[in-house]
Amino acid sequence: MADHAAQEPGIPHTQLGHTNPWPFTAGVGLLLVFFGLLPIAYSNPGGWLLIVMGFGLFGIAVAAWLGTLSREDISEARGLTQPEFPRIAPWFTGFLILSEIFLFGGLFASYFYLRNWDYIQTGSLMHFYTGGGSAPVQVWGLFPLLNTFFLLTSSITLQIGEAYLKKGKIAVFQVLLGITVLLGVMFLASQVYEFVNFVTKDHFTLQSGTYGATFFSLTSLHGLHVTAGVILLSYLLGGSFAGQFSAKRHMAVTVIGIYWHFVDVIWIFLVAVLYLRLI
């Protein structure tokens, strides 16, 4: 929790900067996951230990981090403290979205480069989409269609819910936010089931040529972002029952909402490029 300056009774004081180890700890956890993927890529099962440790550390760090934020938000909502940097959230959101654009933009650029290089070498895109096999895997179907519905609908429910929150209708906001979380979970469950079908029935895996590698890399990375979004939305839902938000206090809802809408936009690009192959 934040350190607090000395105050007179009944007078809200300003939070002072404090050392929070949890963001760094979460980063270490993700780094362990990355290092665990390297030996697995060379058929060394020892990498799974690092992956499990990494995800465990990441989960603990995120839970502790959100707990810290929740306690501070409740303190601010009750008028016991005031944020030291009240206008930092929009800047943070802008830099976050910018970094995500660079991340996904770089991966999309790599995909287009590799596809073009394969076309130059073979004179046909069939080799790229089949990985040298006989026929390309039909990745578009019921599950990506359902996933598109889940994500687009979740953006609508979240936006409407935020509008009701600004009107002071907390109960309606909580219902719509709960629906948003449920839709996010349904997206993740559908995508996991889709991946299992690809691997077991279509034999379409990360090793299925350049297309398979880029397809699973991009969709899995997006899935991790959706997972993070579901965790953040769940944090908002829990916080709404603890009195963290009101008609005048909803910056966290706006910031996380922008992130969730961005994740939805990335999914539209993934559908157009990887599933429908329109671009």
C-alpha atoms as a PDB file:
ATOM      1  CA  MET A   1       0.000   0.000   0.000  1.00  0.00           C
ATOM      2  CA  ALA A   2       0.987   3.544  -0.412  1.00  0.00           C
ATOM      3  CA  ASP A   3       2.754   5.420   2.319  1.00  0.00           C
ATOM      4  CA  HIS A   4       0.724   8.316   3.642  1.00  0.00           C
ATOM      5  CA  ALA A   5       1.736  11.778   4.659  1.00  0.00           C
ATOM      6  CA  ALA A   6       0.900  13.091   8.081  1.00  0.00           C
ATOM      7  CA  GLN A   7      -2.574  14.584   8.149  1.00  0.00           C
ATOM      8  CA  GLU A   8      -5.018  16.312  10.400  1.00  0.00           C
ATOM      9  CA  PRO A   9      -8.116  14.296  11.335  1.00  0.00           C
ATOM     10  CA  GLY A  10     -10.824  14.389   8.666  1.00  0.00           C
ATOM     11  CA  ILE A  11      -8.601  15.937   5.978  1.00  0.00           C
ATOM     12  CA  PRO A  12      -7.807  13.708   3.000  1.00  0.00           C
ATOM     13  CA  HIS A  13      -4.120  13.476   2.285  1.00  0.00           C
ATOM     14  CA  THR A  14      -2.146  12.713  -0.835  1.00  0.00           C
ATOM     15  CA  GLN A  15      -0.597   9.322  -1.513  1.00  0.00           C
ATOM     16  CA  LEU A  16       3.143   9.381  -1.643  1.00  0.00           C
ATOM     17  CA  GLY A  17       5.123   7.334  -4.131  1.00  0.00           C
ATOM     18  CA  HIS A  18       5.957   3.854  -2.909  1.00  0.00           C
ATOM     19  CA  THR A  19       7.928   0.845  -3.991  1.00  0.00           C
ATOM     20  CA  ASN A  20       5.750  -1.848  -5.561  1.00  0.00           C
ATOM     21  CA  PRO A  21       7.642  -5.076  -6.346  1.00  0.00           C
ATOM     22  CA  TRP A  22       4.751  -6.860  -8.066  1.00  0.00           C
ATOM     23  CA  PRO A  23       5.024  -5.447 -11.621  1.00  0.00           C
ATOM     24  CA  PHE A  24       8.704  -6.455 -11.716  1.00  0.00           C
ATOM     25  CA  THR A  25       7.861  -9.868 -10.256  1.00  0.00           C
ATOM     26  CA  ALA A  26       5.209 -10.418 -12.928  1.00  0.00           C
ATOM     27  CA  GLY A  27       7.777  -9.534 -15.583  1.00  0.00           C
ATOM     28  CA  VAL A  28      10.205 -12.100 -14.160  1.00  0.00           C
ATOM     29  CA  GLY A  29       7.441 -14.702 -14.323  1.00  0.00           C
ATOM     30  CA  LEU A  30       6.815 -14.006 -18.013  1.00  0.00           C
ATOM     31  CA  LEU A  31      10.560 -14.122 -18.650  1.00  0.00           C
ATOM     32  CA  LEU A  32      10.695 -17.610 -17.138  1.00  0.00           C
ATOM     33  CA  VAL A  33       7.861 -18.667 -19.449  1.00  0.00           C
ATOM     34  CA  PHE A  34       9.819 -17.372 -22.439  1.00  0.00           C
ATOM     35  CA  PHE A  35      12.970 -19.233 -21.402  1.00  0.00           C
ATOM     36  CA  GLY A  36      10.859 -22.348 -20.897  1.00  0.00           C
ATOM     37  CA  LEU A  37       9.616 -22.200 -24.481  1.00  0.00           C
ATOM     38  CA  LEU A  38      13.152 -22.319 -25.872  1.00  0.00           C
ATOM     39  CA  PRO A  39      14.036 -25.887 -24.753  1.00  0.00           C
ATOM     40  CA  ILE A  40      10.546 -27.084 -25.711  1.00  0.00           C
ATOM     41  CA  ALA A  41      11.174 -25.831 -29.243  1.00  0.00           C
ATOM     42  CA  TYR A  42      14.118 -28.267 -29.331  1.00  0.00           C
ATOM     43  CA  SER A  43      12.039 -31.167 -27.926  1.00  0.00           C
ATOM     44  CA  ASN A  44      13.416 -30.816 -24.389  1.00  0.00           C
ATOM     45  CA  PRO A  45      10.549 -31.398 -21.903  1.00  0.00           C
ATOM     46  CA  GLY A  46      12.535 -29.742 -19.124  1.00  0.00           C
ATOM     47  CA  GLY A  47      11.232 -26.416 -20.361  1.00  0.00           C
ATOM     48  CA  TRP A  48       7.792 -27.203 -18.937  1.00  0.00           C
ATOM     49  CA  LEU A  49       9.174 -26.766 -15.427  1.00  0.00           C
ATOM     50  CA  LEU A  50      10.188 -23.198 -16.208  1.00  0.00           C
ATOM     51  CA  ILE A  51       6.813 -22.530 -17.822  1.00  0.00           C
ATOM     52  CA  VAL A  52       4.882 -23.782 -14.796  1.00  0.00           C
ATOM     53  CA  MET A  53       7.118 -21.806 -12.434  1.00  0.00           C
ATOM     54  CA  GLY A  54       6.810 -18.711 -14.613  1.00  0.00           C
ATOM     55  CA  PHE A  55       3.021 -18.806 -14.821  1.00  0.00           C
ATOM     56  CA  GLY A  56       2.798 -19.513 -11.089  1.00  0.00           C
ATOM     57  CA  LEU A  57       5.000 -16.543 -10.248  1.00  0.00           C
ATOM     58  CA  PHE A  58       3.110 -14.357 -12.715  1.00  0.00           C
ATOM     59  CA  GLY A  59      -0.255 -15.348 -11.224  1.00  0.00           C
ATOM     60  CA  ILE A  60       0.864 -14.635  -7.662  1.00  0.00           C
ATOM     61  CA  ALA A  61       2.340 -11.270  -8.682  1.00  0.00           C
ATOM     62  CA  VAL A  62      -0.761 -10.183 -10.569  1.00  0.00           C
ATOM     63  CA  ALA A  63      -3.044 -11.178  -7.686  1.00  0.00           C
ATOM     64  CA  ALA A  64      -0.903  -9.266  -5.172  1.00  0.00           C
ATOM     65  CA  TRP A  65      -0.618  -6.278  -7.523  1.00  0.00           C
ATOM     66  CA  LEU A  66      -4.385  -6.071  -8.058  1.00  0.00           C
ATOM     67  CA  GLY A  67      -4.911  -6.453  -4.314  1.00  0.00           C
ATOM     68  CA  THR A  68      -2.645  -3.479  -3.683  1.00  0.00           C
ATOM     69  CA  LEU A  69      -4.434  -1.390  -6.296  1.00  0.00           C
ATOM     70  CA  SER A  70      -7.806  -2.378  -4.875  1.00  0.00           C
ATOM     71  CA  ARG A  71      -6.904  -1.291  -1.337  1.00  0.00           C
ATOM     72  CA  GLU A  72      -5.602   2.043  -2.596  1.00  0.00           C
ATOM     73  CA  ASP A  73      -8.659   2.628  -4.801  1.00  0.00           C
ATOM     74  CA  ILE A  74     -11.041   1.900  -1.930  1.00  0.00           C
ATOM     75  CA  SER A  75      -9.090   4.317   0.257  1.00  0.00           C
ATOM     76  CA  GLU A  76      -9.382   7.020  -2.407  1.00  0.00           C
ATOM     77  CA  ALA A  77     -13.084   6.301  -2.991  1.00  0.00           C
ATOM     78  CA  ARG A  78     -13.767   6.790   0.727  1.00  0.00           C
ATOM     79  CA  GLY A  79     -11.943  10.111   0.687  1.00  0.00           C
ATOM     80  CA  LEU A  80      -9.124   8.944   2.940  1.00  0.00           C
ATOM     81  CA  THR A  81      -6.425   9.601   0.347  1.00  0.00           C
ATOM     82  CA  GLN A  82      -5.978  11.462  -2.907  1.00  0.00           C
ATOM     83  CA  PRO A  83      -3.988  10.242  -5.943  1.00  0.00           C
ATOM     84  CA  GLU A  84      -0.584  11.852  -6.273  1.00  0.00           C
ATOM     85  CA  PHE A  85      -0.781  11.869 -10.082  1.00  0.00           C
ATOM     86  CA  PRO A  86      -4.505  12.076 -10.986  1.00  0.00           C
ATOM     87  CA  ARG A  87      -3.872  12.638 -14.717  1.00  0.00           C
ATOM     88  CA  ILE A  88      -1.351   9.844 -15.261  1.00  0.00           C
ATOM     89  CA  ALA A  89      -3.930   7.226 -16.355  1.00  0.00           C
ATOM     90  CA  PRO A  90      -4.588   8.676 -19.864  1.00  0.00           C
ATOM     91  CA  TRP A  91      -0.838   8.893 -20.521  1.00  0.00           C
ATOM     92  CA  PHE A  92      -0.308   5.353 -19.294  1.00  0.00           C
ATOM     93  CA  THR A  93      -3.110   4.106 -21.543  1.00  0.00           C
ATOM     94  CA  GLY A  94      -1.699   5.903 -24.561  1.00  0.00           C
ATOM     95  CA  PHE A  95       1.787   4.442 -24.102  1.00  0.00           C
ATOM     96  CA  LEU A  96       0.336   0.973 -23.456  1.00  0.00           C
ATOM     97  CA  ILE A  97      -1.723   0.984 -26.647  1.00  0.00           C
ATOM     98  CA  LEU A  98       1.233   2.383 -28.605  1.00  0.00           C
ATOM     99  CA  SER A  99       3.515  -0.414 -27.382  1.00  0.00           C
ATOM    100  CA  GLU A 100       0.860  -3.002 -28.282  1.00  0.00           C
ATOM    101  CA  ILE A 101       0.550  -1.529 -31.779  1.00  0.00           C
ATOM    102  CA  PHE A 102       4.305  -1.909 -32.240  1.00  0.00           C
ATOM    103  CA  LEU A 103       4.178  -5.482 -30.904  1.00  0.00           C
ATOM    104  CA  PHE A 104       1.365  -6.744 -33.105  1.00  0.00           C
ATOM    105  CA  GLY A 105       2.442  -4.531 -36.000  1.00  0.00           C
ATOM    106  CA  GLY A 106       5.869  -6.153 -35.985  1.00  0.00           C
ATOM    107  CA  LEU A 107       4.369  -9.642 -35.946  1.00  0.00           C
ATOM    108  CA  PHE A 108       1.948  -8.852 -38.757  1.00  0.00           C
ATOM    109  CA  ALA A 109       4.825  -7.356 -40.770  1.00  0.00           C
ATOM    110  CA  SER A 110       6.835 -10.553 -40.242  1.00  0.00           C
ATOM    111  CA  TYR A 111       3.865 -12.618 -41.405  1.00  0.00           C
ATOM    112  CA  PHE A 112       3.478 -10.604 -44.623  1.00  0.00           C
ATOM    113  CA  TYR A 113       7.218 -10.707 -45.284  1.00  0.00           C
ATOM    114  CA  LEU A 114       7.426 -14.480 -44.851  1.00  0.00           C
ATOM    115  CA  ARG A 115       4.346 -15.037 -47.003  1.00  0.00           C
ATOM    116  CA  ASN A 116       5.753 -12.841 -49.764  1.00  0.00           C
ATOM    117  CA  TRP A 117       9.152 -14.541 -49.575  1.00  0.00           C
ATOM    118  CA  ASP A 118       7.490 -17.956 -49.890  1.00  0.00           C
ATOM    119  CA  TYR A 119       5.509 -16.752 -52.901  1.00  0.00           C
ATOM    120  CA  ILE A 120       8.685 -15.493 -54.595  1.00  0.00           C
ATOM    121  CA  GLN A 121      10.413 -18.814 -54.006  1.00  0.00           C
ATOM    122  CA  THR A 122       7.556 -21.092 -55.073  1.00  0.00           C
ATOM    123  CA  GLY A 123       5.401 -18.945 -57.345  1.00  0.00           C
ATOM    124  CA  SER A 124       2.268 -19.875 -55.380  1.00  0.00           C
ATOM    125  CA  LEU A 125       0.730 -19.179 -51.984  1.00  0.00           C
ATOM    126  CA  MET A 126      -0.465 -22.785 -51.788  1.00  0.00           C
ATOM    127  CA  HIS A 127       2.915 -23.896 -50.446  1.00  0.00           C
ATOM    128  CA  PHE A 128       2.787 -21.242 -47.727  1.00  0.00           C
ATOM    129  CA  TYR A 129      -0.690 -22.190 -46.514  1.00  0.00           C
ATOM    130  CA  THR A 130      -0.085 -25.942 -46.663  1.00  0.00           C
ATOM    131  CA  GLY A 131       3.466 -26.041 -45.323  1.00  0.00           C
ATOM    132  CA  GLY A 132       4.344 -28.265 -48.271  1.00  0.00           C
ATOM    133  CA  GLY A 133       1.311 -30.507 -47.716  1.00  0.00           C
ATOM    134  CA  SER A 134      -1.476 -31.407 -50.104  1.00  0.00           C
ATOM    135  CA  ALA A 135      -4.223 -28.979 -49.057  1.00  0.00           C
ATOM    136  CA  PRO A 136      -4.482 -25.934 -46.795  1.00  0.00           C
ATOM    137  CA  VAL A 137      -6.218 -26.308 -43.448  1.00  0.00           C
ATOM    138  CA  GLN A 138      -9.643 -24.667 -43.322  1.00  0.00           C
ATOM    139  CA  VAL A 139      -9.204 -22.500 -40.233  1.00  0.00           C
ATOM    140  CA  TRP A 140     -12.383 -20.475 -40.714  1.00  0.00           C
ATOM    141  CA  GLY A 141     -15.521 -22.049 -39.328  1.00  0.00           C
ATOM    142  CA  LEU A 142     -17.977 -22.034 -36.453  1.00  0.00           C
ATOM    143  CA  PHE A 143     -15.509 -21.353 -33.643  1.00  0.00           C
ATOM    144  CA  PRO A 144     -13.825 -18.217 -35.049  1.00  0.00           C
ATOM    145  CA  LEU A 145     -17.306 -16.961 -35.966  1.00  0.00           C
ATOM    146  CA  LEU A 146     -18.495 -17.513 -32.394  1.00  0.00           C
ATOM    147  CA  ASN A 147     -15.323 -15.919 -31.025  1.00  0.00           C
ATOM    148  CA  THR A 148     -15.916 -12.840 -33.163  1.00  0.00           C
ATOM    149  CA  PHE A 149     -19.461 -12.631 -31.804  1.00  0.00           C
ATOM    150  CA  PHE A 150     -18.245 -13.053 -28.212  1.00  0.00           C
ATOM    151  CA  LEU A 151     -15.632 -10.287 -28.425  1.00  0.00           C
ATOM    152  CA  LEU A 152     -17.692  -7.752 -30.371  1.00  0.00           C
ATOM    153  CA  THR A 153     -20.673  -8.265 -28.063  1.00  0.00           C
ATOM    154  CA  SER A 154     -18.428  -7.910 -25.012  1.00  0.00           C
ATOM    155  CA  SER A 155     -17.241  -4.516 -26.240  1.00  0.00           C
ATOM    156  CA  ILE A 156     -20.848  -3.390 -26.578  1.00  0.00           C
ATOM    157  CA  THR A 157     -21.857  -4.580 -23.108  1.00  0.00           C
ATOM    158  CA  LEU A 158     -18.779  -2.972 -21.551  1.00  0.00           C
ATOM    159  CA  GLN A 159     -19.381   0.365 -23.271  1.00  0.00           C
ATOM    160  CA  ILE A 160     -23.062   0.423 -22.290  1.00  0.00           C
ATOM    161  CA  GLY A 161     -22.133  -0.596 -18.750  1.00  0.00           C
ATOM    162  CA  GLU A 162     -19.672   2.283 -18.456  1.00  0.00           C
ATOM    163  CA  ALA A 163     -22.359   4.681 -19.646  1.00  0.00           C
ATOM    164  CA  TYR A 164     -24.694   3.446 -16.898  1.00  0.00           C
ATOM    165  CA  LEU A 165     -21.888   3.786 -14.336  1.00  0.00           C
ATOM    166  CA  LYS A 166     -21.464   7.441 -15.285  1.00  0.00           C
ATOM    167  CA  LYS A 167     -25.183   7.871 -14.601  1.00  0.00           C
ATOM    168  CA  GLY A 168     -24.736   6.375 -11.142  1.00  0.00           C
ATOM    169  CA  LYS A 169     -26.582   3.127 -11.919  1.00  0.00           C
ATOM    170  CA  ILE A 170     -24.088   0.773 -10.287  1.00  0.00           C
ATOM    171  CA  ALA A 171     -26.303  -2.332 -10.329  1.00  0.00           C
ATOM    172  CA  VAL A 172     -26.834  -2.169 -14.093  1.00  0.00           C
ATOM    173  CA  PHE A 173     -23.112  -1.594 -14.569  1.00  0.00           C
ATOM    174  CA  GLN A 174     -22.318  -4.684 -12.504  1.00  0.00           C
ATOM    175  CA  VAL A 175     -24.698  -6.861 -14.527  1.00  0.00           C
ATOM    176  CA  LEU A 176     -23.297  -5.696 -17.867  1.00  0.00           C
ATOM    177  CA  LEU A 177     -19.717  -6.003 -16.634  1.00  0.00           C
ATOM    178  CA  GLY A 178     -20.446  -9.545 -15.457  1.00  0.00           C
ATOM    179  CA  ILE A 179     -21.787 -10.385 -18.925  1.00  0.00           C
ATOM    180  CA  THR A 180     -18.622  -8.920 -20.438  1.00  0.00           C
ATOM    181  CA  VAL A 181     -16.427 -11.133 -18.251  1.00  0.00           C
ATOM    182  CA  LEU A 182     -18.534 -14.178 -19.143  1.00  0.00           C
ATOM    183  CA  LEU A 183     -18.183 -13.439 -22.870  1.00  0.00           C
ATOM    184  CA  GLY A 184     -14.414 -13.148 -22.465  1.00  0.00           C
ATOM    185  CA  VAL A 185     -14.252 -16.504 -20.712  1.00  0.00           C
ATOM    186  CA  MET A 186     -16.405 -18.052 -23.444  1.00  0.00           C
ATOM    187  CA  PHE A 187     -14.003 -16.708 -26.071  1.00  0.00           C
ATOM    188  CA  LEU A 188     -11.030 -18.300 -24.316  1.00  0.00           C
ATOM    189  CA  ALA A 189     -12.804 -21.635 -23.855  1.00  0.00           C
ATOM    190  CA  SER A 190     -13.850 -21.667 -27.519  1.00  0.00           C
ATOM    191  CA  GLN A 191     -10.334 -20.863 -28.684  1.00  0.00           C
ATOM    192  CA  VAL A 192      -8.792 -23.618 -26.568  1.00  0.00           C
ATOM    193  CA  TYR A 193     -11.297 -26.101 -27.999  1.00  0.00           C
ATOM    194  CA  GLU A 194     -10.506 -24.844 -31.490  1.00  0.00           C
ATOM    195  CA  PHE A 195      -6.760 -25.338 -30.954  1.00  0.00           C
ATOM    196  CA  VAL A 196      -7.325 -28.869 -29.646  1.00  0.00           C
ATOM    197  CA  ASN A 197      -9.303 -29.698 -32.804  1.00  0.00           C
ATOM    198  CA  PHE A 198      -6.582 -28.251 -35.013  1.00  0.00           C
ATOM    199  CA  VAL A 199      -3.925 -30.400 -33.361  1.00  0.00           C
ATOM    200  CA  THR A 200      -5.847 -33.668 -32.918  1.00  0.00           C
ATOM    201  CA  LYS A 201      -8.106 -33.731 -35.983  1.00  0.00           C
ATOM    202  CA  ASP A 202      -6.426 -31.550 -38.615  1.00  0.00           C
ATOM    203  CA  HIS A 203      -2.833 -32.179 -37.474  1.00  0.00           C
ATOM    204  CA  PHE A 204      -2.320 -28.447 -37.813  1.00  0.00           C
ATOM    205  CA  THR A 205       0.316 -27.392 -35.270  1.00  0.00           C
ATOM    206  CA  LEU A 206       3.044 -24.871 -34.571  1.00  0.00           C
ATOM    207  CA  GLN A 207       5.337 -27.033 -36.719  1.00  0.00           C
ATOM    208  CA  SER A 208       3.006 -26.907 -39.757  1.00  0.00           C
ATOM    209  CA  GLY A 209       5.261 -24.695 -41.831  1.00  0.00           C
ATOM    210  CA  THR A 210       5.565 -20.923 -41.669  1.00  0.00           C
ATOM    211  CA  TYR A 211       1.814 -20.411 -41.765  1.00  0.00           C
ATOM    212  CA  GLY A 212       1.255 -22.724 -38.793  1.00  0.00           C
ATOM    213  CA  ALA A 213       4.005 -21.035 -36.797  1.00  0.00           C
ATOM    214  CA  THR A 214       2.723 -17.513 -37.449  1.00  0.00           C
ATOM    215  CA  PHE A 215      -0.923 -18.515 -37.013  1.00  0.00           C
ATOM    216  CA  PHE A 216      -0.428 -20.032 -33.570  1.00  0.00           C
ATOM    217  CA  SER A 217       2.032 -17.334 -32.493  1.00  0.00           C
ATOM    218  CA  LEU A 218      -0.331 -14.466 -33.305  1.00  0.00           C
ATOM    219  CA  THR A 219      -3.540 -16.087 -32.058  1.00  0.00           C
ATOM    220  CA  SER A 220      -1.877 -17.345 -28.856  1.00  0.00           C
ATOM    221  CA  LEU A 221      -0.423 -13.905 -28.129  1.00  0.00           C
ATOM    222  CA  HIS A 222      -3.831 -12.383 -28.667  1.00  0.00           C
ATOM    223  CA  GLY A 223      -5.317 -15.042 -26.388  1.00  0.00           C
ATOM    224  CA  LEU A 224      -2.895 -14.025 -23.640  1.00  0.00           C
ATOM    225  CA  HIS A 225      -4.071 -10.427 -24.036  1.00  0.00           C
ATOM    226  CA  VAL A 226      -7.686 -11.543 -23.767  1.00  0.00           C
ATOM    227  CA  THR A 227      -6.769 -13.492 -20.624  1.00  0.00           C
ATOM    228  CA  ALA A 228      -5.190 -10.376 -19.139  1.00  0.00           C
ATOM    229  CA  GLY A 229      -8.298  -8.421 -20.102  1.00  0.00           C
ATOM    230  CA  VAL A 230     -10.594 -10.929 -18.381  1.00  0.00           C
ATOM    231  CA  ILE A 231      -8.475 -10.695 -15.223  1.00  0.00           C
ATOM    232  CA  LEU A 232      -8.656  -6.885 -15.283  1.00  0.00           C
ATOM    233  CA  LEU A 233     -12.400  -6.892 -15.949  1.00  0.00           C
ATOM    234  CA  SER A 234     -12.879  -9.330 -13.065  1.00  0.00           C
ATOM    235  CA  TYR A 235     -10.896  -6.925 -10.896  1.00  0.00           C
ATOM    236  CA  LEU A 236     -13.300  -4.134 -11.914  1.00  0.00           C
ATOM    237  CA  LEU A 237     -16.290  -6.333 -11.137  1.00  0.00           C
ATOM    238  CA  GLY A 238     -14.981  -7.159  -7.678  1.00  0.00           C
ATOM    239  CA  GLY A 239     -14.067  -3.541  -7.076  1.00  0.00           C
ATOM    240  CA  SER A 240     -17.561  -2.379  -8.012  1.00  0.00           C
ATOM    241  CA  PHE A 241     -18.983  -4.426  -5.129  1.00  0.00           C
ATOM    242  CA  ALA A 242     -16.363  -2.937  -2.787  1.00  0.00           C
ATOM    243  CA  GLY A 243     -17.399   0.615  -3.617  1.00  0.00           C
ATOM    244  CA  GLN A 244     -14.365   1.528  -5.726  1.00  0.00           C
ATOM    245  CA  PHE A 245     -16.342   3.168  -8.533  1.00  0.00           C
ATOM    246  CA  SER A 246     -19.062   5.767  -8.816  1.00  0.00           C
ATOM    247  CA  ALA A 247     -20.528   8.230 -11.291  1.00  0.00           C
ATOM    248  CA  LYS A 248     -17.608  10.572 -10.589  1.00  0.00           C
ATOM    249  CA  ARG A 249     -14.918   7.934 -10.118  1.00  0.00           C
ATOM    250  CA  HIS A 250     -14.535   5.608 -13.081  1.00  0.00           C
ATOM    251  CA  MET A 251     -11.095   6.239 -14.589  1.00  0.00           C
ATOM    252  CA  ALA A 252     -10.009   2.605 -14.131  1.00  0.00           C
ATOM    253  CA  VAL A 253     -13.114   1.421 -15.984  1.00  0.00           C
ATOM    254  CA  THR A 254     -12.359   3.779 -18.867  1.00  0.00           C
ATOM    255  CA  VAL A 255      -8.698   2.748 -19.098  1.00  0.00           C
ATOM    256  CA  ILE A 256      -9.365  -0.997 -19.000  1.00  0.00           C
ATOM    257  CA  GLY A 257     -12.246  -0.483 -21.413  1.00  0.00           C
ATOM    258  CA  ILE A 258      -9.910   1.116 -23.954  1.00  0.00           C
ATOM    259  CA  TYR A 259      -7.550  -1.846 -23.614  1.00  0.00           C
ATOM    260  CA  TRP A 260     -10.426  -4.309 -24.127  1.00  0.00           C
ATOM    261  CA  HIS A 261     -11.651  -2.489 -27.239  1.00  0.00           C
ATOM    262  CA  PHE A 262      -8.100  -2.545 -28.622  1.00  0.00           C
ATOM    263  CA  VAL A 263      -7.917  -6.313 -28.097  1.00  0.00           C
ATOM    264  CA  ASP A 264     -11.164  -6.609 -30.065  1.00  0.00           C
ATOM    265  CA  VAL A 265      -9.745  -4.572 -32.940  1.00  0.00           C
ATOM    266  CA  ILE A 266      -6.681  -6.824 -33.077  1.00  0.00           C
ATOM    267  CA  TRP A 267      -8.996  -9.840 -33.323  1.00  0.00           C
ATOM    268  CA  ILE A 268     -10.710  -8.317 -36.375  1.00  0.00           C
ATOM    269  CA  PHE A 269      -7.308  -8.011 -38.057  1.00  0.00           C
ATOM    270  CA  LEU A 270      -6.474 -11.609 -37.112  1.00  0.00           C
ATOM    271  CA  VAL A 271      -9.712 -12.843 -38.652  1.00  0.00           C
ATOM    272  CA  ALA A 272      -9.156 -10.876 -41.858  1.00  0.00           C
ATOM    273  CA  VAL A 273      -5.497 -11.888 -42.262  1.00  0.00           C
ATOM    274  CA  LEU A 274      -5.196 -15.395 -40.790  1.00  0.00           C
ATOM    275  CA  TYR A 275      -8.660 -16.900 -40.914  1.00  0.00           C
ATOM    276  CA  LEU A 276     -10.268 -15.394 -44.020  1.00  0.00           C
ATOM    277  CA  ARG A 277      -6.948 -14.536 -45.760  1.00  0.00           C
ATOM    278  CA  LEU A 278      -8.454 -11.387 -47.234  1.00  0.00           C
ATOM    279  CA  ILE A 279      -5.232  -9.392 -46.995  1.00  0.00           C
END
